[in-house]
C-alpha atoms as a PDB file:
ATOM      1  CA  MET A   1      96.224-107.075-158.094  1.00  0.00           C
ATOM      2  CA  GLU A   2      95.425-109.963-160.527  1.00  0.00           C
ATOM      3  CA  ARG A   3      94.198-112.799-158.808  1.00  0.00           C
ATOM      4  CA  SER A   4      94.161-116.323-160.688  1.00  0.00           C
ATOM      5  CA  PRO A   5      90.641-118.206-161.206  1.00  0.00           C
ATOM      6  CA  LEU A   6      90.294-121.479-159.439  1.00  0.00           C
ATOM      7  CA  ASP A   7      91.288-124.309-161.963  1.00  0.00           C
ATOM      8  CA  ALA A   8      88.011-126.356-162.175  1.00  0.00           C
ATOM      9  CA  ASP A   9      89.416-129.358-163.999  1.00  0.00           C
ATOM     10  CA  ARG A  10      92.285-129.600-161.722  1.00  0.00           C
ATOM     11  CA  LEU A  11      90.024-129.653-158.552  1.00  0.00           C
ATOM     12  CA  ARG A  12      88.028-131.841-159.895  1.00  0.00           C
ATOM     13  CA  ALA A  13      90.770-134.324-160.914  1.00  0.00           C
ATOM     14  CA  ALA A  14      92.005-134.101-157.279  1.00  0.00           C
ATOM     15  CA  VAL A  15      88.917-134.765-155.636  1.00  0.00           C
ATOM     16  CA  THR A  16      86.458-136.437-157.596  1.00  0.00           C
ATOM     17  CA  ALA A  17      87.025-139.960-156.352  1.00  0.00           C
ATOM     18  CA  ARG A  18      85.228-139.027-153.043  1.00  0.00           C
ATOM     19  CA  TRP A  19      83.151-135.950-154.378  1.00  0.00           C
ATOM     20  CA  ALA A  20      80.391-136.867-156.551  1.00  0.00           C
ATOM     21  CA  ARG A  21      80.041-133.583-158.475  1.00  0.00           C
ATOM     22  CA  VAL A  22      82.200-130.612-158.361  1.00  0.00           C
ATOM     23  CA  GLU A  23      81.336-127.421-160.221  1.00  0.00           C
ATOM     24  CA  VAL A  24      82.923-123.680-160.443  1.00  0.00           C
ATOM     25  CA  VAL A  25      80.719-120.986-161.663  1.00  0.00           C
ATOM     26  CA  GLU A  26      82.113-117.182-162.531  1.00  0.00           C
ATOM     27  CA  ARG A  27      79.236-115.716-160.312  1.00  0.00           C
ATOM     28  CA  THR A  28      75.957-116.392-158.500  1.00  0.00           C
ATOM     29  CA  ALA A  29      73.718-115.200-155.848  1.00  0.00           C
ATOM     30  CA  SER A  30      74.384-117.606-153.436  1.00  0.00           C
ATOM     31  CA  THR A  31      76.079-120.926-153.683  1.00  0.00           C
ATOM     32  CA  ASN A  32      73.797-122.157-150.763  1.00  0.00           C
ATOM     33  CA  ALA A  33      70.352-121.286-152.259  1.00  0.00           C
ATOM     34  CA  ASP A  34      71.598-122.837-155.522  1.00  0.00           C
ATOM     35  CA  LEU A  35      72.322-126.315-154.047  1.00  0.00           C
ATOM     36  CA  LEU A  36      69.136-125.943-151.977  1.00  0.00           C
ATOM     37  CA  ALA A  37      66.881-125.423-154.821  1.00  0.00           C
ATOM     38  CA  ASP A  38      68.503-128.473-156.671  1.00  0.00           C
ATOM     39  CA  PRO A  39      66.398-131.265-155.476  1.00  0.00           C
ATOM     40  CA  ASP A  40      68.382-133.848-157.661  1.00  0.00           C
ATOM     41  CA  ALA A  41      71.581-133.010-156.668  1.00  0.00           C
ATOM     42  CA  PRO A  42      73.680-136.095-155.667  1.00  0.00           C
ATOM     43  CA  ASP A  43      75.076-136.319-152.073  1.00  0.00           C
ATOM     44  CA  ARG A  44      78.728-134.698-151.708  1.00  0.00           C
ATOM     45  CA  THR A  45      78.125-132.026-154.366  1.00  0.00           C
ATOM     46  CA  VAL A  46      80.446-129.167-154.352  1.00  0.00           C
ATOM     47  CA  LEU A  47      79.506-125.945-155.942  1.00  0.00           C
ATOM     48  CA  ALA A  48      82.040-122.888-155.797  1.00  0.00           C
ATOM     49  CA  ALA A  49      81.615-119.378-157.097  1.00  0.00           C
ATOM     50  CA  GLU A  50      84.298-117.051-158.083  1.00  0.00           C
ATOM     51  CA  HIS A  51      81.978-114.128-156.991  1.00  0.00           C
ATOM     52  CA  GLN A  52      78.878-114.445-154.776  1.00  0.00           C
ATOM     53  CA  VAL A  53      76.709-111.440-154.869  1.00  0.00           C
ATOM     54  CA  ALA A  54      74.120-112.124-152.330  1.00  0.00           C
ATOM     55  CA  GLY A  55      75.705-114.681-150.065  1.00  0.00           C
ATOM     56  CA  ARG A  56      74.417-114.553-146.415  1.00  0.00           C
ATOM     57  CA  GLY A  57      75.480-115.766-142.886  1.00  0.00           C
ATOM     58  CA  ARG A  58      74.015-116.268-139.887  1.00  0.00           C
ATOM     59  CA  PHE A  59      71.180-114.067-138.617  1.00  0.00           C
ATOM     60  CA  ASP A  60      70.728-113.138-142.276  1.00  0.00           C
ATOM     61  CA  ARG A  61      73.690-111.093-142.370  1.00  0.00           C
ATOM     62  CA  ARG A  62      75.524-110.216-145.448  1.00  0.00           C
ATOM     63  CA  TRP A  63      78.783-111.963-146.943  1.00  0.00           C
ATOM     64  CA  GLU A  64      80.800-109.846-149.036  1.00  0.00           C
ATOM     65  CA  SER A  65      84.180-110.788-151.141  1.00  0.00           C
ATOM     66  CA  PRO A  66      85.645-109.556-154.041  1.00  0.00           C
ATOM     67  CA  PRO A  67      85.974-111.634-156.906  1.00  0.00           C
ATOM     68  CA  GLY A  68      88.930-114.009-156.556  1.00  0.00           C
ATOM     69  CA  ALA A  69      89.791-113.095-153.529  1.00  0.00           C
ATOM     70  CA  GLY A  70      88.814-115.819-151.208  1.00  0.00           C
ATOM     71  CA  LEU A  71      86.810-119.392-151.422  1.00  0.00           C
ATOM     72  CA  THR A  72      83.239-119.179-151.425  1.00  0.00           C
ATOM     73  CA  PHE A  73      81.579-122.667-151.809  1.00  0.00           C
ATOM     74  CA  SER A  74      78.967-124.888-150.659  1.00  0.00           C
ATOM     75  CA  VAL A  75      78.438-128.765-150.239  1.00  0.00           C
ATOM     76  CA  LEU A  76      75.410-130.687-150.058  1.00  0.00           C
ATOM     77  CA  LEU A  77      75.442-133.714-148.155  1.00  0.00           C
ATOM     78  CA  ARG A  78      72.449-136.366-147.506  1.00  0.00           C
ATOM     79  CA  PRO A  79      73.680-137.908-144.575  1.00  0.00           C
ATOM     80  CA  ALA A  80      72.545-141.164-143.210  1.00  0.00           C
ATOM     81  CA  VAL A  81      73.125-140.362-139.481  1.00  0.00           C
ATOM     82  CA  PRO A  82      70.178-139.676-136.884  1.00  0.00           C
ATOM     83  CA  LEU A  83      68.804-136.254-137.504  1.00  0.00           C
ATOM     84  CA  VAL A  84      69.887-135.846-133.640  1.00  0.00           C
ATOM     85  CA  HIS A  85      73.559-135.752-134.652  1.00  0.00           C
ATOM     86  CA  TRP A  86      73.094-133.358-137.405  1.00  0.00           C
ATOM     87  CA  GLY A  87      74.056-130.385-134.966  1.00  0.00           C
ATOM     88  CA  TRP A  88      77.693-131.779-135.675  1.00  0.00           C
ATOM     89  CA  ILE A  89      77.849-131.005-139.426  1.00  0.00           C
ATOM     90  CA  PRO A  90      78.896-127.128-139.149  1.00  0.00           C
ATOM     91  CA  LEU A  91      81.334-127.913-136.422  1.00  0.00           C
ATOM     92  CA  LEU A  92      83.182-130.795-138.076  1.00  0.00           C
ATOM     93  CA  THR A  93      83.121-128.436-141.107  1.00  0.00           C
ATOM     94  CA  GLY A  94      84.792-126.209-138.939  1.00  0.00           C
ATOM     95  CA  LEU A  95      87.284-128.593-137.871  1.00  0.00           C
ATOM     96  CA  ALA A  96      88.167-129.687-141.110  1.00  0.00           C
ATOM     97  CA  LEU A  97      88.556-125.764-142.374  1.00  0.00           C
ATOM     98  CA  HIS A  98      90.791-125.287-139.295  1.00  0.00           C
ATOM     99  CA  GLU A  99      92.998-128.283-140.244  1.00  0.00           C
ATOM    100  CA  ALA A 100      93.315-127.496-143.796  1.00  0.00           C
ATOM    101  CA  VAL A 101      94.245-123.518-142.969  1.00  0.00           C
ATOM    102  CA  THR A 102      96.845-125.166-140.710  1.00  0.00           C
ATOM    103  CA  GLU A 103      98.394-127.576-142.487  1.00  0.00           C
ATOM    104  CA  HIS A 104      98.237-126.179-146.040  1.00  0.00           C
ATOM    105  CA  ALA A 105      98.619-122.233-145.703  1.00  0.00           C
ATOM    106  CA  GLY A 106     100.734-122.642-142.156  1.00  0.00           C
ATOM    107  CA  VAL A 107      98.369-120.539-140.216  1.00  0.00           C
ATOM    108  CA  PRO A 108      97.574-121.090-136.819  1.00  0.00           C
ATOM    109  CA  SER A 109      93.678-120.826-136.421  1.00  0.00           C
ATOM    110  CA  ALA A 110      91.027-121.431-134.026  1.00  0.00           C
ATOM    111  CA  LEU A 111      87.480-122.421-134.038  1.00  0.00           C
ATOM    112  CA  LYS A 112      84.769-119.919-132.477  1.00  0.00           C
ATOM    113  CA  TRP A 113      81.609-122.186-131.876  1.00  0.00           C
ATOM    114  CA  PRO A 114      79.492-122.719-133.810  1.00  0.00           C
ATOM    115  CA  ASN A 115      80.645-121.270-137.220  1.00  0.00           C
ATOM    116  CA  ASP A 116      83.401-118.951-137.283  1.00  0.00           C
ATOM    117  CA  LEU A 117      87.407-119.703-138.059  1.00  0.00           C
ATOM    118  CA  LEU A 118      89.531-117.062-136.091  1.00  0.00           C
ATOM    119  CA  ALA A 119      93.249-116.217-136.730  1.00  0.00           C
ATOM    120  CA  HIS A 120      94.664-117.772-133.420  1.00  0.00           C
ATOM    121  CA  PRO A 121      94.345-117.349-130.564  1.00  0.00           C
ATOM    122  CA  ASP A 122      92.092-114.167-130.581  1.00  0.00           C
ATOM    123  CA  GLY A 123      92.456-112.481-134.105  1.00  0.00           C
ATOM    124  CA  GLY A 124      90.083-111.540-136.850  1.00  0.00           C
ATOM    125  CA  LYS A 125      87.445-113.801-138.372  1.00  0.00           C
ATOM    126  CA  LEU A 126      88.822-115.753-141.246  1.00  0.00           C
ATOM    127  CA  ALA A 127      85.735-117.728-142.490  1.00  0.00           C
ATOM    128  CA  GLY A 128      82.281-118.223-141.670  1.00  0.00           C
ATOM    129  CA  ILE A 129      80.178-121.444-141.992  1.00  0.00           C
ATOM    130  CA  LEU A 130      76.565-121.677-142.525  1.00  0.00           C
ATOM    131  CA  ALA A 131      74.588-124.991-142.535  1.00  0.00           C
ATOM    132  CA  GLN A 132      70.974-125.291-143.667  1.00  0.00           C
ATOM    133  CA  SER A 133      68.689-128.156-144.425  1.00  0.00           C
ATOM    134  CA  SER A 134      65.840-128.975-146.725  1.00  0.00           C
ATOM    135  CA  GLY A 135      64.428-132.373-145.872  1.00  0.00           C
ATOM    136  CA  GLU A 136      66.834-135.045-146.198  1.00  0.00           C
ATOM    137  CA  ALA A 137      69.651-132.768-147.400  1.00  0.00           C
ATOM    138  CA  VAL A 138      71.760-130.270-145.626  1.00  0.00           C
ATOM    139  CA  VAL A 139      73.881-127.504-147.512  1.00  0.00           C
ATOM    140  CA  VAL A 140      76.899-126.011-145.903  1.00  0.00           C
ATOM    141  CA  GLY A 141      78.363-122.801-147.302  1.00  0.00           C
ATOM    142  CA  ILE A 142      81.718-121.404-146.581  1.00  0.00           C
ATOM    143  CA  GLY A 143      83.176-118.130-146.971  1.00  0.00           C
ATOM    144  CA  LEU A 144      87.154-118.024-146.331  1.00  0.00           C
ATOM    145  CA  ASN A 145      89.256-114.971-147.030  1.00  0.00           C
ATOM    146  CA  VAL A 146      92.515-115.868-148.791  1.00  0.00           C
ATOM    147  CA  SER A 147      93.981-112.550-150.365  1.00  0.00           C
ATOM    148  CA  THR A 148      91.419-110.209-149.177  1.00  0.00           C
ATOM    149  CA  ARG A 149      93.157-106.857-148.541  1.00  0.00           C
ATOM    150  CA  ALA A 150      92.250-104.622-145.406  1.00  0.00           C
ATOM    151  CA  ASP A 151      90.046-102.071-147.598  1.00  0.00           C
ATOM    152  CA  GLU A 152      88.411-104.869-149.088  1.00  0.00           C
ATOM    153  CA  LEU A 153      86.871-106.614-145.845  1.00  0.00           C
ATOM    154  CA  PRO A 154      83.404-105.879-144.768  1.00  0.00           C
ATOM    155  CA  VAL A 155      83.621-105.268-141.180  1.00  0.00           C
ATOM    156  CA  GLU A 156      86.977-104.385-139.092  1.00  0.00           C
ATOM    157  CA  THR A 157      86.995-107.624-136.879  1.00  0.00           C
ATOM    158  CA  ALA A 158      87.765-109.735-140.258  1.00  0.00           C
ATOM    159  CA  THR A 159      91.104-110.652-141.544  1.00  0.00           C
ATOM    160  CA  SER A 160      92.388-112.743-144.492  1.00  0.00           C
ATOM    161  CA  LEU A 161      95.232-115.323-144.802  1.00  0.00           C
ATOM    162  CA  ALA A 162      97.244-112.846-146.647  1.00  0.00           C
ATOM    163  CA  MET A 163      96.449-110.356-143.758  1.00  0.00           C
ATOM    164  CA  VAL A 164      97.878-112.675-141.147  1.00  0.00           C
ATOM    165  CA  GLY A 165     101.266-113.769-143.031  1.00  0.00           C
ATOM    166  CA  ALA A 166     100.337-116.617-145.392  1.00  0.00           C
ATOM    167  CA  PRO A 167     102.381-116.368-148.693  1.00  0.00           C
ATOM    168  CA  ASP A 168     100.881-116.255-152.228  1.00  0.00           C
ATOM    169  CA  LEU A 169      98.195-119.053-151.871  1.00  0.00           C
ATOM    170  CA  ASP A 170      97.210-121.129-154.892  1.00  0.00           C
ATOM    171  CA  ARG A 171      93.320-121.479-154.252  1.00  0.00           C
ATOM    172  CA  THR A 172      92.660-124.370-156.288  1.00  0.00           C
ATOM    173  CA  ALA A 173      95.221-126.387-153.812  1.00  0.00           C
ATOM    174  CA  LEU A 174      93.664-125.042-150.911  1.00  0.00           C
ATOM    175  CA  LEU A 175      90.279-125.901-151.609  1.00  0.00           C
ATOM    176  CA  THR A 176      91.402-129.275-152.527  1.00  0.00           C
ATOM    177  CA  ALA A 177      93.127-129.513-149.253  1.00  0.00           C
ATOM    178  CA  ILE A 178      89.723-128.342-147.474  1.00  0.00           C
ATOM    179  CA  LEU A 179      87.433-130.853-149.453  1.00  0.00           C
ATOM    180  CA  ARG A 180      89.960-133.799-148.534  1.00  0.00           C
ATOM    181  CA  ARG A 181      90.013-132.659-144.960  1.00  0.00           C
ATOM    182  CA  LEU A 182      86.149-132.445-144.760  1.00  0.00           C
ATOM    183  CA  ASP A 183      85.787-135.709-146.648  1.00  0.00           C
ATOM    184  CA  ALA A 184      87.690-137.676-143.714  1.00  0.00           C
ATOM    185  CA  ARG A 185      85.834-135.817-140.972  1.00  0.00           C
ATOM    186  CA  ILE A 186      82.396-136.729-142.737  1.00  0.00           C
ATOM    187  CA  ALA A 187      83.347-140.362-143.148  1.00  0.00           C
ATOM    188  CA  GLN A 188      84.779-140.318-139.407  1.00  0.00           C
ATOM    189  CA  TRP A 189      81.334-139.022-138.288  1.00  0.00           C
ATOM    190  CA  THR A 190      79.379-141.210-140.574  1.00  0.00           C
ATOM    191  CA  ASP A 191      81.136-144.504-139.606  1.00  0.00           C
ATOM    192  CA  CYS A 192      79.950-143.945-136.406  1.00  0.00           C
ATOM    193  CA  GLN A 193      76.419-142.900-137.071  1.00  0.00           C
ATOM    194  CA  GLY A 194      76.824-139.253-135.930  1.00  0.00           C
ATOM    195  CA  ASP A 195      78.533-140.356-132.622  1.00  0.00           C
ATOM    196  CA  ALA A 196      81.028-137.593-132.199  1.00  0.00           C
ATOM    197  CA  ALA A 197      82.542-138.922-128.990  1.00  0.00           C
ATOM    198  CA  ALA A 198      82.764-142.512-130.189  1.00  0.00           C
ATOM    199  CA  CYS A 199      84.683-141.704-133.328  1.00  0.00           C
ATOM    200  CA  GLY A 200      87.079-138.979-131.788  1.00  0.00           C
ATOM    201  CA  LEU A 201      85.509-135.912-133.157  1.00  0.00           C
ATOM    202  CA  ALA A 202      84.295-134.363-130.480  1.00  0.00           C
ATOM    203  CA  THR A 203      87.583-134.651-128.788  1.00  0.00           C
ATOM    204  CA  ALA A 204      89.472-132.873-131.897  1.00  0.00           C
ATOM    205  CA  TYR A 205      86.789-130.075-132.049  1.00  0.00           C
ATOM    206  CA  ARG A 206      87.096-129.204-128.374  1.00  0.00           C
ATOM    207  CA  ASP A 207      90.959-129.128-128.880  1.00  0.00           C
ATOM    208  CA  ALA A 208      90.644-126.538-131.521  1.00  0.00           C
ATOM    209  CA  CYS A 209      87.779-124.463-130.256  1.00  0.00           C
ATOM    210  CA  SER A 210      88.924-121.277-128.354  1.00  0.00           C
ATOM    211  CA  THR A 211      85.258-120.983-126.963  1.00  0.00           C
ATOM    212  CA  ILE A 212      85.422-123.630-124.699  1.00  0.00           C
ATOM    213  CA  GLY A 213      86.784-122.841-121.272  1.00  0.00           C
ATOM    214  CA  ARG A 214      85.977-119.147-121.415  1.00  0.00           C
ATOM    215  CA  PRO A 215      83.497-116.740-120.062  1.00  0.00           C
ATOM    216  CA  VAL A 216      80.855-115.884-123.334  1.00  0.00           C
ATOM    217  CA  ARG A 217      77.984-113.975-123.861  1.00  0.00           C
ATOM    218  CA  VAL A 218      75.225-115.792-126.376  1.00  0.00           C
ATOM    219  CA  MET A 219      72.699-113.749-128.318  1.00  0.00           C
ATOM    220  CA  LEU A 220      70.089-116.352-128.938  1.00  0.00           C
ATOM    221  CA  THR A 221      68.175-116.573-132.131  1.00  0.00           C
ATOM    222  CA  ASP A 222      64.890-115.617-130.009  1.00  0.00           C
ATOM    223  CA  ASP A 223      66.821-112.500-128.785  1.00  0.00           C
ATOM    224  CA  ARG A 224      67.444-113.582-125.591  1.00  0.00           C
ATOM    225  CA  ASP A 225      71.174-112.858-123.974  1.00  0.00           C
ATOM    226  CA  VAL A 226      72.762-115.614-121.656  1.00  0.00           C
ATOM    227  CA  ARG A 227      76.194-115.087-120.104  1.00  0.00           C
ATOM    228  CA  GLY A 228      78.177-117.786-118.545  1.00  0.00           C
ATOM    229  CA  ASP A 229      81.090-119.984-118.871  1.00  0.00           C
ATOM    230  CA  ALA A 230      81.483-122.369-122.161  1.00  0.00           C
ATOM    231  CA  VAL A 231      82.445-125.522-120.609  1.00  0.00           C
ATOM    232  CA  ASP A 232      81.756-128.154-123.240  1.00  0.00           C
ATOM    233  CA  VAL A 233      80.005-129.416-126.488  1.00  0.00           C
ATOM    234  CA  ASP A 234      77.560-132.091-126.311  1.00  0.00           C
ATOM    235  CA  GLU A 235      76.284-134.800-128.180  1.00  0.00           C
ATOM    236  CA  GLY A 236      74.046-133.046-130.251  1.00  0.00           C
ATOM    237  CA  GLY A 237      77.018-130.193-130.940  1.00  0.00           C
ATOM    238  CA  ARG A 238      75.215-127.949-128.726  1.00  0.00           C
ATOM    239  CA  LEU A 239      77.456-125.257-126.372  1.00  0.00           C
ATOM    240  CA  VAL A 240      77.317-126.045-122.913  1.00  0.00           C
ATOM    241  CA  LEU A 241      77.065-123.210-120.819  1.00  0.00           C
ATOM    242  CA  ARG A 242      77.441-122.766-116.844  1.00  0.00           C
ATOM    243  CA  THR A 243      75.381-119.674-115.824  1.00  0.00           C
ATOM    244  CA  ASP A 244      74.269-118.205-112.462  1.00  0.00           C
ATOM    245  CA  ALA A 245      70.746-120.404-112.925  1.00  0.00           C
ATOM    246  CA  GLY A 246      72.513-123.766-113.923  1.00  0.00           C
ATOM    247  CA  VAL A 247      73.403-125.439-116.848  1.00  0.00           C
ATOM    248  CA  GLU A 248      72.332-124.410-120.018  1.00  0.00           C
ATOM    249  CA  ARG A 249      72.715-125.882-123.668  1.00  0.00           C
ATOM    250  CA  VAL A 250      72.706-123.899-126.678  1.00  0.00           C
ATOM    251  CA  GLY A 251      71.713-125.037-130.191  1.00  0.00           C
ATOM    252  CA  ALA A 252      72.167-121.781-132.283  1.00  0.00           C
ATOM    253  CA  GLY A 253      73.331-118.266-131.397  1.00  0.00           C
ATOM    254  CA  ASP A 254      75.832-115.688-132.045  1.00  0.00           C
ATOM    255  CA  VAL A 255      78.745-115.766-129.431  1.00  0.00           C
ATOM    256  CA  GLU A 256      80.953-113.048-127.904  1.00  0.00           C
ATOM    257  CA  HIS A 257      84.131-114.083-125.967  1.00  0.00           C
ATOM    258  CA  LEU A 258      84.438-112.061-122.957  1.00  0.00           C
ATOM    259  CA  ARG A 259      87.449-111.322-120.763  1.00  0.00           C
ATOM    260  CA  PRO A 260      87.869-113.174-117.568  1.00  0.00           C
ATOM    261  CA  ALA A 261      86.364-111.145-114.625  1.00  0.00           C
END
């Protein structure tokens, strides 16, 4: 199957009013690593790769996608927002991705805290998000399966927009839609100095997140296993769990949605 490349010129013309630098490369090890290694990259830099050969997700998992089958890109931000609120960056990124996929591709989707986009309501994983910080900068990487076939997916729990019924998609137009929604959500968040509740971001995220309101199991970065009911996301973007031992707030972890008892 022939896959059309991203049109870098068309992408730049569509989004450079709000994004300072937009680059598309044929191949790289990791778009996140490239931006983290660039100390001079301006706020709102975008780097997309047709093929990423050493991409990583949470817990250092490998992210794989055939050339041209998805959207693999990173954005670098230098937020003028108190550090305590930076936990909202991957969440607002997920919300923008959810909105663009729903509106542009016509695919119902839902968010799984903190970094996954699922085919709605409890389908396979369409996309993953990884945020990494360095000094005053944070780099957010996004990997979205667009035309990926079942035999090209790295795990059985993944899916793609094509596999859940989206028509042939223009990836340049889809990436444009994602960047425009992301720009709007970043502006909303920064205008309120990161106060997600005051600007309405928290409400929008809760409405889109299928994790809230259900029993979950969370594997934490220190290898602890926490089970409870996910009841909210707090002011710092942490998942609030009601457990047998009381309330626990989780800043990072791998979430498994459980069936109600």
